[in-house]
Amino acid sequence: MILGLGGARALRALGMAPAVWHMNEGHAAFLILELVREGVLRGLSFAAALEAAATQCVFTTHTPVAAGHDAFDIGLFKHCFQDMLGELGVPEERVIALGQAPHAAQLFNMTHLRSTARAA
């Protein structure tokens, strides 16, 4: 949350507007949700905001093994993002689906969020 949401909000507060955002590993993948939230608040639909966010993000990984892919319990995700989920204008299941990998649907997977958003 700190890297993705906090990092974006800190840069915005400093008057910076990056054209491209780089995420190393999945740690900052919540940046995608922050960019979507910003788009929705500007009047875009969720789908259009997701597509716009995907075009602004670059992702690299140095740890292509399971240990390098952060995943969190869906309940924890919903608890921590309850305010944002209400701001996105879609059912929470739509947002949660962005981070659900088929092999572990009970977890919110940061790498899957990044790859699902990119496919939008």
N, C-alpha and C. Protein backbone atom coordinates (compact mmCIF):
# COMPACT_ATOMS: atom_id res chain seq x y z
N MET A 1 0.82 -1.19 0.00
CA MET A 1 0.00 0.00 0.00
C MET A 1 0.86 1.25 0.00
N ILE A 2 1.93 1.22 0.78
CA ILE A 2 2.78 2.41 0.90
C ILE A 2 3.43 2.75 -0.42
N LEU A 3 3.99 1.75 -1.09
CA LEU A 3 4.65 2.02 -2.37
C LEU A 3 3.65 2.40 -3.46
N GLY A 4 2.59 1.65 -3.59
CA GLY A 4 1.65 1.87 -4.68
C GLY A 4 0.76 3.08 -4.49
N LEU A 5 0.01 3.10 -3.41
CA LEU A 5 -0.90 4.22 -3.16
C LEU A 5 -0.13 5.42 -2.63
N GLY A 6 0.66 5.19 -1.60
CA GLY A 6 1.40 6.28 -0.96
C GLY A 6 2.40 6.94 -1.89
N GLY A 7 3.09 6.12 -2.68
CA GLY A 7 4.07 6.68 -3.61
C GLY A 7 3.41 7.57 -4.65
N ALA A 8 2.31 7.12 -5.21
CA ALA A 8 1.59 7.92 -6.21
C ALA A 8 1.05 9.20 -5.58
N ARG A 9 0.47 9.08 -4.40
CA ARG A 9 -0.10 10.26 -3.75
C ARG A 9 0.98 11.25 -3.34
N ALA A 10 2.14 10.75 -2.91
CA ALA A 10 3.25 11.64 -2.55
C ALA A 10 3.75 12.41 -3.77
N LEU A 11 3.91 11.72 -4.89
CA LEU A 11 4.35 12.40 -6.11
C LEU A 11 3.33 13.42 -6.57
N ARG A 12 2.06 13.08 -6.48
CA ARG A 12 1.00 14.02 -6.86
C ARG A 12 1.05 15.26 -5.96
N ALA A 13 1.25 15.04 -4.65
CA ALA A 13 1.31 16.16 -3.70
C ALA A 13 2.51 17.08 -4.00
N LEU A 14 3.55 16.53 -4.58
CA LEU A 14 4.72 17.33 -4.96
C LEU A 14 4.56 17.98 -6.33
N GLY A 15 3.39 17.77 -6.94
CA GLY A 15 3.12 18.38 -8.24
C GLY A 15 3.68 17.60 -9.41
N MET A 16 4.08 16.37 -9.19
CA MET A 16 4.65 15.55 -10.25
C MET A 16 3.56 14.71 -10.91
N ALA A 17 3.68 14.54 -12.22
CA ALA A 17 2.72 13.76 -12.98
C ALA A 17 3.47 12.85 -13.95
N PRO A 18 4.01 11.74 -13.45
CA PRO A 18 4.75 10.84 -14.34
C PRO A 18 3.89 10.34 -15.50
N ALA A 19 4.48 10.25 -16.66
CA ALA A 19 3.79 9.68 -17.83
C ALA A 19 3.86 8.16 -17.78
N VAL A 20 4.90 7.63 -17.18
CA VAL A 20 5.11 6.19 -17.07
C VAL A 20 5.51 5.89 -15.63
N TRP A 21 4.92 4.82 -15.11
CA TRP A 21 5.22 4.38 -13.74
C TRP A 21 5.89 3.02 -13.83
N HIS A 22 7.00 2.83 -13.11
CA HIS A 22 7.70 1.55 -13.11
C HIS A 22 7.45 0.83 -11.80
N MET A 23 7.03 -0.42 -11.93
CA MET A 23 6.84 -1.27 -10.76
C MET A 23 7.85 -2.40 -10.83
N ASN A 24 8.68 -2.51 -9.81
CA ASN A 24 9.65 -3.59 -9.73
C ASN A 24 9.06 -4.68 -8.84
N GLU A 25 8.90 -5.86 -9.39
CA GLU A 25 8.23 -6.96 -8.70
C GLU A 25 6.77 -6.56 -8.49
N GLY A 26 6.08 -7.23 -7.59
CA GLY A 26 4.67 -6.93 -7.37
C GLY A 26 4.43 -5.97 -6.23
N HIS A 27 5.49 -5.57 -5.54
CA HIS A 27 5.33 -4.78 -4.32
C HIS A 27 4.51 -3.51 -4.53
N ALA A 28 4.66 -2.85 -5.64
CA ALA A 28 3.96 -1.58 -5.88
C ALA A 28 2.73 -1.73 -6.77
N ALA A 29 2.27 -2.95 -6.99
CA ALA A 29 1.16 -3.17 -7.92
C ALA A 29 -0.14 -2.48 -7.52
N PHE A 30 -0.29 -2.14 -6.24
CA PHE A 30 -1.48 -1.40 -5.85
C PHE A 30 -1.51 -0.02 -6.51
N LEU A 31 -0.40 0.41 -7.07
CA LEU A 31 -0.37 1.63 -7.88
C LEU A 31 -1.45 1.58 -8.96
N ILE A 32 -1.65 0.41 -9.53
CA ILE A 32 -2.67 0.25 -10.58
C ILE A 32 -4.04 0.67 -10.06
N LEU A 33 -4.37 0.22 -8.85
CA LEU A 33 -5.68 0.57 -8.29
C LEU A 33 -5.76 2.07 -7.99
N GLU A 34 -4.66 2.68 -7.58
CA GLU A 34 -4.65 4.11 -7.34
C GLU A 34 -4.87 4.88 -8.64
N LEU A 35 -4.20 4.46 -9.71
CA LEU A 35 -4.40 5.12 -10.99
C LEU A 35 -5.83 4.94 -11.51
N VAL A 36 -6.39 3.76 -11.27
CA VAL A 36 -7.79 3.53 -11.66
C VAL A 36 -8.70 4.44 -10.84
N ARG A 37 -8.46 4.53 -9.55
CA ARG A 37 -9.26 5.41 -8.69
C ARG A 37 -9.20 6.84 -9.19
N GLU A 38 -8.02 7.32 -9.53
CA GLU A 38 -7.88 8.68 -10.05
C GLU A 38 -8.70 8.85 -11.34
N GLY A 39 -8.63 7.86 -12.21
CA GLY A 39 -9.38 7.93 -13.46
C GLY A 39 -10.88 7.97 -13.23
N VAL A 40 -11.36 7.14 -12.32
CA VAL A 40 -12.80 7.11 -12.01
C VAL A 40 -13.22 8.46 -11.42
N LEU A 41 -12.39 9.03 -10.56
CA LEU A 41 -12.72 10.33 -9.96
C LEU A 41 -12.73 11.44 -11.01
N ARG A 42 -12.00 11.24 -12.12
CA ARG A 42 -12.01 12.21 -13.22
C ARG A 42 -13.19 11.97 -14.16
N GLY A 43 -13.98 10.93 -13.92
CA GLY A 43 -15.16 10.68 -14.72
C GLY A 43 -15.08 9.53 -15.69
N LEU A 44 -13.95 8.81 -15.72
CA LEU A 44 -13.84 7.64 -16.58
C LEU A 44 -14.62 6.48 -15.99
N SER A 45 -15.06 5.58 -16.84
CA SER A 45 -15.63 4.33 -16.35
C SER A 45 -14.50 3.50 -15.76
N PHE A 46 -14.86 2.51 -14.95
CA PHE A 46 -13.83 1.63 -14.37
C PHE A 46 -13.00 0.99 -15.47
N ALA A 47 -13.65 0.47 -16.51
CA ALA A 47 -12.92 -0.20 -17.59
C ALA A 47 -11.99 0.75 -18.31
N ALA A 48 -12.43 1.97 -18.58
CA ALA A 48 -11.58 2.95 -19.26
C ALA A 48 -10.42 3.38 -18.36
N ALA A 49 -10.69 3.54 -17.08
CA ALA A 49 -9.63 3.91 -16.13
C ALA A 49 -8.60 2.79 -16.00
N LEU A 50 -9.06 1.54 -16.01
CA LEU A 50 -8.15 0.40 -15.93
C LEU A 50 -7.27 0.34 -17.18
N GLU A 51 -7.88 0.55 -18.33
CA GLU A 51 -7.11 0.54 -19.58
C GLU A 51 -6.08 1.67 -19.58
N ALA A 52 -6.48 2.85 -19.14
CA ALA A 52 -5.56 3.99 -19.08
C ALA A 52 -4.41 3.70 -18.12
N ALA A 53 -4.71 3.12 -16.97
CA ALA A 53 -3.67 2.79 -16.00
C ALA A 53 -2.68 1.79 -16.58
N ALA A 54 -3.20 0.80 -17.30
CA ALA A 54 -2.34 -0.23 -17.88
C ALA A 54 -1.35 0.37 -18.88
N THR A 55 -1.77 1.40 -19.61
CA THR A 55 -0.88 2.00 -20.60
C THR A 55 0.21 2.85 -19.96
N GLN A 56 0.06 3.16 -18.68
CA GLN A 56 1.03 4.01 -17.98
C GLN A 56 2.04 3.21 -17.16
N CYS A 57 1.84 1.90 -17.05
CA CYS A 57 2.64 1.10 -16.13
C CYS A 57 3.60 0.16 -16.84
N VAL A 58 4.81 0.09 -16.31
CA VAL A 58 5.84 -0.84 -16.78
C VAL A 58 6.20 -1.71 -15.59
N PHE A 59 6.35 -3.00 -15.84
CA PHE A 59 6.62 -3.94 -14.76
C PHE A 59 7.86 -4.77 -15.08
N THR A 60 8.73 -4.93 -14.10
CA THR A 60 9.85 -5.84 -14.24
C THR A 60 9.90 -6.76 -13.03
N THR A 61 10.48 -7.91 -13.22
CA THR A 61 10.65 -8.84 -12.11
C THR A 61 12.06 -9.41 -12.14
N HIS A 62 12.60 -9.61 -10.96
CA HIS A 62 13.93 -10.21 -10.82
C HIS A 62 13.84 -11.55 -10.11
N THR A 63 12.63 -11.92 -9.69
CA THR A 63 12.44 -13.13 -8.91
C THR A 63 11.32 -13.97 -9.53
N PRO A 64 11.60 -14.64 -10.64
CA PRO A 64 10.54 -15.41 -11.31
C PRO A 64 10.27 -16.77 -10.67
N VAL A 65 10.14 -16.76 -9.34
CA VAL A 65 9.76 -17.97 -8.59
C VAL A 65 8.62 -17.59 -7.66
N ALA A 66 7.93 -18.57 -7.13
CA ALA A 66 6.75 -18.32 -6.30
C ALA A 66 7.02 -17.33 -5.16
N ALA A 67 8.17 -17.40 -4.52
CA ALA A 67 8.48 -16.52 -3.40
C ALA A 67 8.54 -15.05 -3.81
N GLY A 68 8.68 -14.78 -5.09
CA GLY A 68 8.76 -13.40 -5.56
C GLY A 68 7.41 -12.81 -5.92
N HIS A 69 6.33 -13.51 -5.64
CA HIS A 69 5.00 -13.05 -6.01
C HIS A 69 4.13 -12.89 -4.77
N ASP A 70 3.98 -11.66 -4.32
CA ASP A 70 3.21 -11.38 -3.11
C ASP A 70 1.74 -11.72 -3.31
N ALA A 71 1.15 -12.34 -2.30
CA ALA A 71 -0.27 -12.67 -2.33
C ALA A 71 -0.81 -12.52 -0.91
N PHE A 72 -2.03 -11.97 -0.81
CA PHE A 72 -2.63 -11.68 0.48
C PHE A 72 -4.03 -12.29 0.55
N ASP A 73 -4.44 -12.63 1.75
CA ASP A 73 -5.79 -13.15 1.97
C ASP A 73 -6.82 -12.14 1.45
N ILE A 74 -7.83 -12.63 0.75
CA ILE A 74 -8.86 -11.75 0.19
C ILE A 74 -9.53 -10.92 1.30
N GLY A 75 -9.76 -11.52 2.45
CA GLY A 75 -10.37 -10.79 3.56
C GLY A 75 -9.51 -9.62 4.01
N LEU A 76 -8.21 -9.81 4.06
CA LEU A 76 -7.29 -8.73 4.42
C LEU A 76 -7.32 -7.63 3.36
N PHE A 77 -7.33 -8.04 2.10
CA PHE A 77 -7.41 -7.06 1.02
C PHE A 77 -8.68 -6.23 1.15
N LYS A 78 -9.83 -6.89 1.35
CA LYS A 78 -11.10 -6.18 1.45
C LYS A 78 -11.10 -5.23 2.64
N HIS A 79 -10.53 -5.66 3.75
CA HIS A 79 -10.46 -4.82 4.94
C HIS A 79 -9.61 -3.56 4.69
N CYS A 80 -8.45 -3.75 4.10
CA CYS A 80 -7.53 -2.63 3.88
C CYS A 80 -7.98 -1.70 2.77
N PHE A 81 -8.75 -2.20 1.82
CA PHE A 81 -9.16 -1.40 0.67
C PHE A 81 -10.65 -1.07 0.65
N GLN A 82 -11.32 -1.21 1.80
CA GLN A 82 -12.76 -0.99 1.82
C GLN A 82 -13.15 0.41 1.34
N ASP A 83 -12.41 1.43 1.69
CA ASP A 83 -12.73 2.78 1.23
C ASP A 83 -12.54 2.91 -0.27
N MET A 84 -11.42 2.40 -0.76
CA MET A 84 -11.14 2.49 -2.19
C MET A 84 -12.15 1.67 -3.00
N LEU A 85 -12.52 0.51 -2.51
CA LEU A 85 -13.48 -0.33 -3.22
C LEU A 85 -14.79 0.43 -3.46
N GLY A 86 -15.16 1.25 -2.51
CA GLY A 86 -16.37 2.05 -2.66
C GLY A 86 -16.23 3.18 -3.66
N GLU A 87 -15.00 3.62 -3.92
CA GLU A 87 -14.75 4.74 -4.85
C GLU A 87 -14.63 4.31 -6.31
N LEU A 88 -14.49 3.02 -6.56
CA LEU A 88 -14.19 2.56 -7.91
C LEU A 88 -15.43 2.39 -8.79
N GLY A 89 -16.61 2.39 -8.20
CA GLY A 89 -17.84 2.37 -8.99
C GLY A 89 -18.21 1.03 -9.59
N VAL A 90 -17.60 -0.04 -9.12
CA VAL A 90 -17.95 -1.38 -9.59
C VAL A 90 -18.08 -2.29 -8.36
N PRO A 91 -18.75 -3.41 -8.50
CA PRO A 91 -18.83 -4.35 -7.37
C PRO A 91 -17.42 -4.79 -6.95
N GLU A 92 -17.24 -4.98 -5.65
CA GLU A 92 -15.91 -5.35 -5.15
C GLU A 92 -15.39 -6.63 -5.80
N GLU A 93 -16.29 -7.52 -6.20
CA GLU A 93 -15.87 -8.76 -6.85
C GLU A 93 -15.10 -8.49 -8.14
N ARG A 94 -15.46 -7.41 -8.85
CA ARG A 94 -14.78 -7.04 -10.10
C ARG A 94 -13.34 -6.65 -9.82
N VAL A 95 -13.12 -5.91 -8.74
CA VAL A 95 -11.77 -5.48 -8.36
C VAL A 95 -10.98 -6.68 -7.84
N ILE A 96 -11.60 -7.47 -7.00
CA ILE A 96 -10.92 -8.64 -6.44
C ILE A 96 -10.50 -9.60 -7.54
N ALA A 97 -11.33 -9.75 -8.56
CA ALA A 97 -11.01 -10.66 -9.66
C ALA A 97 -9.71 -10.28 -10.37
N LEU A 98 -9.34 -9.00 -10.32
CA LEU A 98 -8.09 -8.57 -10.95
C LEU A 98 -6.87 -9.23 -10.30
N GLY A 99 -7.00 -9.58 -9.02
CA GLY A 99 -5.87 -10.16 -8.31
C GLY A 99 -6.01 -11.63 -7.99
N GLN A 100 -7.02 -12.29 -8.52
CA GLN A 100 -7.22 -13.71 -8.21
C GLN A 100 -6.59 -14.58 -9.29
N ALA A 101 -5.55 -15.28 -8.91
CA ALA A 101 -4.93 -16.25 -9.81
C ALA A 101 -5.76 -17.53 -9.76
N PRO A 102 -5.95 -18.20 -10.88
CA PRO A 102 -6.78 -19.41 -10.92
C PRO A 102 -6.35 -20.49 -9.92
N HIS A 103 -5.08 -20.59 -9.64
CA HIS A 103 -4.59 -21.65 -8.75
C HIS A 103 -4.73 -21.31 -7.27
N ALA A 104 -5.10 -20.06 -6.93
CA ALA A 104 -5.23 -19.66 -5.53
C ALA A 104 -6.26 -18.54 -5.42
N ALA A 105 -7.51 -18.87 -5.68
CA ALA A 105 -8.58 -17.87 -5.73
C ALA A 105 -8.86 -17.22 -4.38
N GLN A 106 -8.37 -17.79 -3.29
CA GLN A 106 -8.60 -17.21 -1.96
C GLN A 106 -7.59 -16.13 -1.63
N LEU A 107 -6.64 -15.89 -2.56
CA LEU A 107 -5.60 -14.90 -2.34
C LEU A 107 -5.68 -13.79 -3.37
N PHE A 108 -5.25 -12.59 -2.96
CA PHE A 108 -5.11 -11.47 -3.89
C PHE A 108 -3.64 -11.43 -4.26
N ASN A 109 -3.35 -11.77 -5.51
CA ASN A 109 -1.98 -11.94 -6.00
C ASN A 109 -1.54 -10.68 -6.74
N MET A 110 -0.46 -10.07 -6.26
CA MET A 110 0.02 -8.81 -6.82
C MET A 110 0.50 -8.97 -8.26
N THR A 111 1.15 -10.06 -8.57
CA THR A 111 1.62 -10.27 -9.94
C THR A 111 0.43 -10.47 -10.87
N HIS A 112 -0.58 -11.18 -10.40
CA HIS A 112 -1.77 -11.38 -11.22
C HIS A 112 -2.50 -10.05 -11.45
N LEU A 113 -2.54 -9.19 -10.43
CA LEU A 113 -3.12 -7.86 -10.59
C LEU A 113 -2.40 -7.13 -11.71
N ARG A 114 -1.11 -7.14 -11.68
CA ARG A 114 -0.33 -6.45 -12.69
C ARG A 114 -0.58 -7.03 -14.07
N SER A 115 -0.61 -8.35 -14.20
CA SER A 115 -0.79 -8.95 -15.52
C SER A 115 -2.24 -8.84 -16.00
N THR A 116 -3.22 -8.93 -15.10
CA THR A 116 -4.62 -8.80 -15.49
C THR A 116 -4.90 -7.38 -15.95
N ALA A 117 -4.37 -6.40 -15.24
CA ALA A 117 -4.57 -5.00 -15.64
C ALA A 117 -3.94 -4.74 -16.99
N ARG A 118 -2.83 -5.34 -17.26
CA ARG A 118 -2.14 -5.14 -18.53
C ARG A 118 -2.95 -5.74 -19.68
N ALA A 119 -3.70 -6.79 -19.39
CA ALA A 119 -4.50 -7.43 -20.43
C ALA A 119 -5.82 -6.72 -20.68
N ALA A 120 -6.12 -5.72 -19.85
CA ALA A 120 -7.42 -5.02 -19.96
C ALA A 120 -7.58 -4.28 -21.27
